[in-house]
């Protein structure tokens, strides 16, 4: 049986890997393991040891604490936001973020302001 923390850490590994455009194979090579092990980590099927998490955080250029962000929820286990709790696990959302940051900064700011105005209207 998988532990919720292992599943959460695995999702955060996948999220960061997608955001950086890295494949499971590339991450595995940087960490020195087989890509199948990365698959198991990302699904929460296997727990990530502390030393391995350290290596993964180094390869993905984030602090180890990144993988534990978002574990806190309300007392009933639900998020109070209107945004789905697991939106960063959605590949489409991650692709959108990657595309957003590929836009030149001045245009990106204008797009951001447009999105804010539209969301206030809705």
C-alpha atoms as a PDB file:
ATOM      1  CA  UNK A   1       0.000   0.000   0.000  1.00  0.00           C
ATOM      2  CA  UNK A   2       1.329   3.417  -0.928  1.00  0.00           C
ATOM      3  CA  UNK A   3       1.747   6.152   1.661  1.00  0.00           C
ATOM      4  CA  UNK A   4       0.199   9.554   0.828  1.00  0.00           C
ATOM      5  CA  UNK A   5       3.518  11.321   1.455  1.00  0.00           C
ATOM      6  CA  UNK A   6       5.305   9.018  -1.014  1.00  0.00           C
ATOM      7  CA  UNK A   7       2.620   9.741  -3.618  1.00  0.00           C
ATOM      8  CA  UNK A   8       2.919  13.490  -2.979  1.00  0.00           C
ATOM      9  CA  UNK A   9       6.726  13.452  -3.265  1.00  0.00           C
ATOM     10  CA  UNK A  10       6.448  11.436  -6.477  1.00  0.00           C
ATOM     11  CA  UNK A  11       4.013  13.945  -7.964  1.00  0.00           C
ATOM     12  CA  UNK A  12       6.351  16.787  -7.063  1.00  0.00           C
ATOM     13  CA  UNK A  13       9.252  14.968  -8.762  1.00  0.00           C
ATOM     14  CA  UNK A  14       7.156  14.518 -11.916  1.00  0.00           C
ATOM     15  CA  UNK A  15       5.924  18.123 -11.769  1.00  0.00           C
ATOM     16  CA  UNK A  16       9.426  19.576 -11.556  1.00  0.00           C
ATOM     17  CA  UNK A  17      10.769  17.173 -14.195  1.00  0.00           C
ATOM     18  CA  UNK A  18       8.003  18.228 -16.624  1.00  0.00           C
ATOM     19  CA  UNK A  19       8.566  21.917 -15.913  1.00  0.00           C
ATOM     20  CA  UNK A  20      12.239  21.589 -16.739  1.00  0.00           C
ATOM     21  CA  UNK A  21      11.479  19.571 -19.874  1.00  0.00           C
ATOM     22  CA  UNK A  22      13.502  16.627 -18.611  1.00  0.00           C
ATOM     23  CA  UNK A  23      12.634  13.024 -19.465  1.00  0.00           C
ATOM     24  CA  UNK A  24      12.593  10.200 -16.933  1.00  0.00           C
ATOM     25  CA  UNK A  25      15.639   8.787 -18.690  1.00  0.00           C
ATOM     26  CA  UNK A  26      17.572  12.057 -18.388  1.00  0.00           C
ATOM     27  CA  UNK A  27      16.751  12.394 -14.700  1.00  0.00           C
ATOM     28  CA  UNK A  28      17.670   8.772 -14.058  1.00  0.00           C
ATOM     29  CA  UNK A  29      21.033   9.234 -15.776  1.00  0.00           C
ATOM     30  CA  UNK A  30      21.818  12.327 -13.705  1.00  0.00           C
ATOM     31  CA  UNK A  31      20.922  10.500 -10.502  1.00  0.00           C
ATOM     32  CA  UNK A  32      22.643   7.256 -11.519  1.00  0.00           C
ATOM     33  CA  UNK A  33      19.659   4.899 -11.572  1.00  0.00           C
ATOM     34  CA  UNK A  34      17.373   3.241 -14.137  1.00  0.00           C
ATOM     35  CA  UNK A  35      14.433   5.206 -15.548  1.00  0.00           C
ATOM     36  CA  UNK A  36      12.061   2.503 -14.266  1.00  0.00           C
ATOM     37  CA  UNK A  37      13.000   3.540 -10.745  1.00  0.00           C
ATOM     38  CA  UNK A  38      12.033   7.139 -11.535  1.00  0.00           C
ATOM     39  CA  UNK A  39       8.674   5.801 -12.754  1.00  0.00           C
ATOM     40  CA  UNK A  40       8.164   3.995  -9.462  1.00  0.00           C
ATOM     41  CA  UNK A  41       9.095   7.112  -7.479  1.00  0.00           C
ATOM     42  CA  UNK A  42       6.708   9.284  -9.495  1.00  0.00           C
ATOM     43  CA  UNK A  43       3.759   6.974  -8.872  1.00  0.00           C
ATOM     44  CA  UNK A  44       4.591   6.547  -5.195  1.00  0.00           C
ATOM     45  CA  UNK A  45       5.038   2.810  -5.681  1.00  0.00           C
ATOM     46  CA  UNK A  46       8.556   3.079  -4.226  1.00  0.00           C
ATOM     47  CA  UNK A  47       9.695   5.385  -1.457  1.00  0.00           C
ATOM     48  CA  UNK A  48      12.534   7.780  -2.159  1.00  0.00           C
ATOM     49  CA  UNK A  49      15.365   7.522   0.355  1.00  0.00           C
ATOM     50  CA  UNK A  50      16.776  10.713   1.846  1.00  0.00           C
ATOM     51  CA  UNK A  51      20.050  10.433  -0.077  1.00  0.00           C
ATOM     52  CA  UNK A  52      18.247   9.734  -3.350  1.00  0.00           C
ATOM     53  CA  UNK A  53      15.891  12.670  -2.774  1.00  0.00           C
ATOM     54  CA  UNK A  54      18.966  14.825  -2.193  1.00  0.00           C
ATOM     55  CA  UNK A  55      20.384  13.689  -5.565  1.00  0.00           C
ATOM     56  CA  UNK A  56      17.045  14.266  -7.322  1.00  0.00           C
ATOM     57  CA  UNK A  57      16.705  17.746  -5.829  1.00  0.00           C
ATOM     58  CA  UNK A  58      20.197  18.558  -7.077  1.00  0.00           C
ATOM     59  CA  UNK A  59      19.433  17.236 -10.584  1.00  0.00           C
ATOM     60  CA  UNK A  60      16.151  19.205 -10.716  1.00  0.00           C
ATOM     61  CA  UNK A  61      17.722  22.316  -9.150  1.00  0.00           C
ATOM     62  CA  UNK A  62      15.280  22.688  -6.268  1.00  0.00           C
ATOM     63  CA  UNK A  63      15.697  22.425  -2.480  1.00  0.00           C
ATOM     64  CA  UNK A  64      14.675  19.143  -0.876  1.00  0.00           C
ATOM     65  CA  UNK A  65      11.839  20.999   0.883  1.00  0.00           C
ATOM     66  CA  UNK A  66      10.216  21.587  -2.537  1.00  0.00           C
ATOM     67  CA  UNK A  67       9.027  17.969  -2.574  1.00  0.00           C
ATOM     68  CA  UNK A  68       7.067  18.444   0.672  1.00  0.00           C
ATOM     69  CA  UNK A  69       5.375  21.723  -0.215  1.00  0.00           C
ATOM     70  CA  UNK A  70       1.595  21.530  -0.279  1.00  0.00           C
ATOM     71  CA  UNK A  71       1.214  18.603   2.108  1.00  0.00           C
ATOM     72  CA  UNK A  72      -0.834  20.667   4.575  1.00  0.00           C
ATOM     73  CA  UNK A  73      -4.577  20.627   4.023  1.00  0.00           C
ATOM     74  CA  UNK A  74      -7.653  21.666   5.985  1.00  0.00           C
ATOM     75  CA  UNK A  75      -8.887  19.420   8.791  1.00  0.00           C
ATOM     76  CA  UNK A  76     -11.249  17.611   6.396  1.00  0.00           C
ATOM     77  CA  UNK A  77      -8.390  17.011   3.945  1.00  0.00           C
ATOM     78  CA  UNK A  78      -9.721  19.426   1.339  1.00  0.00           C
ATOM     79  CA  UNK A  79      -8.273  22.604  -0.008  1.00  0.00           C
ATOM     80  CA  UNK A  80     -10.253  25.810   0.427  1.00  0.00           C
ATOM     81  CA  UNK A  81      -9.235  27.106  -3.020  1.00  0.00           C
ATOM     82  CA  UNK A  82     -11.429  26.991  -6.131  1.00  0.00           C
ATOM     83  CA  UNK A  83      -8.376  25.679  -8.010  1.00  0.00           C
ATOM     84  CA  UNK A  84      -8.093  21.874  -7.939  1.00  0.00           C
ATOM     85  CA  UNK A  85      -5.610  20.737  -5.282  1.00  0.00           C
ATOM     86  CA  UNK A  86      -3.623  18.668  -7.771  1.00  0.00           C
ATOM     87  CA  UNK A  87      -3.473  21.136 -10.675  1.00  0.00           C
ATOM     88  CA  UNK A  88       0.331  20.980 -10.831  1.00  0.00           C
ATOM     89  CA  UNK A  89       0.125  17.257 -11.530  1.00  0.00           C
ATOM     90  CA  UNK A  90      -1.845  17.989 -14.715  1.00  0.00           C
ATOM     91  CA  UNK A  91       0.388  17.809 -17.791  1.00  0.00           C
ATOM     92  CA  UNK A  92      -1.708  20.395 -19.637  1.00  0.00           C
ATOM     93  CA  UNK A  93      -1.270  22.893 -16.791  1.00  0.00           C
ATOM     94  CA  UNK A  94       2.479  22.276 -16.747  1.00  0.00           C
ATOM     95  CA  UNK A  95       2.702  22.693 -20.521  1.00  0.00           C
ATOM     96  CA  UNK A  96       0.803  25.972 -20.184  1.00  0.00           C
ATOM     97  CA  UNK A  97       3.239  27.210 -17.540  1.00  0.00           C
ATOM     98  CA  UNK A  98       6.251  26.197 -19.638  1.00  0.00           C
ATOM     99  CA  UNK A  99       4.769  28.006 -22.662  1.00  0.00           C
ATOM    100  CA  UNK A 100       3.953  31.073 -20.544  1.00  0.00           C
ATOM    101  CA  UNK A 101       7.573  31.431 -19.439  1.00  0.00           C
ATOM    102  CA  UNK A 102       8.757  31.066 -23.038  1.00  0.00           C
ATOM    103  CA  UNK A 103       6.964  34.343 -23.898  1.00  0.00           C
ATOM    104  CA  UNK A 104       9.164  37.480 -23.732  1.00  0.00           C
ATOM    105  CA  UNK A 105       8.791  39.196 -20.348  1.00  0.00           C
ATOM    106  CA  UNK A 106       7.026  42.379 -21.496  1.00  0.00           C
ATOM    107  CA  UNK A 107       4.422  40.368 -23.446  1.00  0.00           C
ATOM    108  CA  UNK A 108       4.113  37.890 -20.585  1.00  0.00           C
ATOM    109  CA  UNK A 109       3.235  40.701 -18.153  1.00  0.00           C
ATOM    110  CA  UNK A 110       0.535  41.959 -20.534  1.00  0.00           C
ATOM    111  CA  UNK A 111      -0.869  38.446 -20.904  1.00  0.00           C
ATOM    112  CA  UNK A 112      -0.876  38.058 -17.122  1.00  0.00           C
ATOM    113  CA  UNK A 113      -2.797  41.319 -16.669  1.00  0.00           C
ATOM    114  CA  UNK A 114      -5.314  40.228 -19.317  1.00  0.00           C
ATOM    115  CA  UNK A 115      -5.839  36.923 -17.516  1.00  0.00           C
ATOM    116  CA  UNK A 116      -6.363  38.730 -14.202  1.00  0.00           C
ATOM    117  CA  UNK A 117      -8.978  41.038 -15.743  1.00  0.00           C
ATOM    118  CA  UNK A 118     -10.791  38.127 -17.362  1.00  0.00           C
ATOM    119  CA  UNK A 119     -10.778  36.095 -14.146  1.00  0.00           C
ATOM    120  CA  UNK A 120     -12.206  39.059 -12.195  1.00  0.00           C
ATOM    121  CA  UNK A 121     -15.073  39.287 -14.687  1.00  0.00           C
ATOM    122  CA  UNK A 122     -15.899  35.579 -14.536  1.00  0.00           C
END
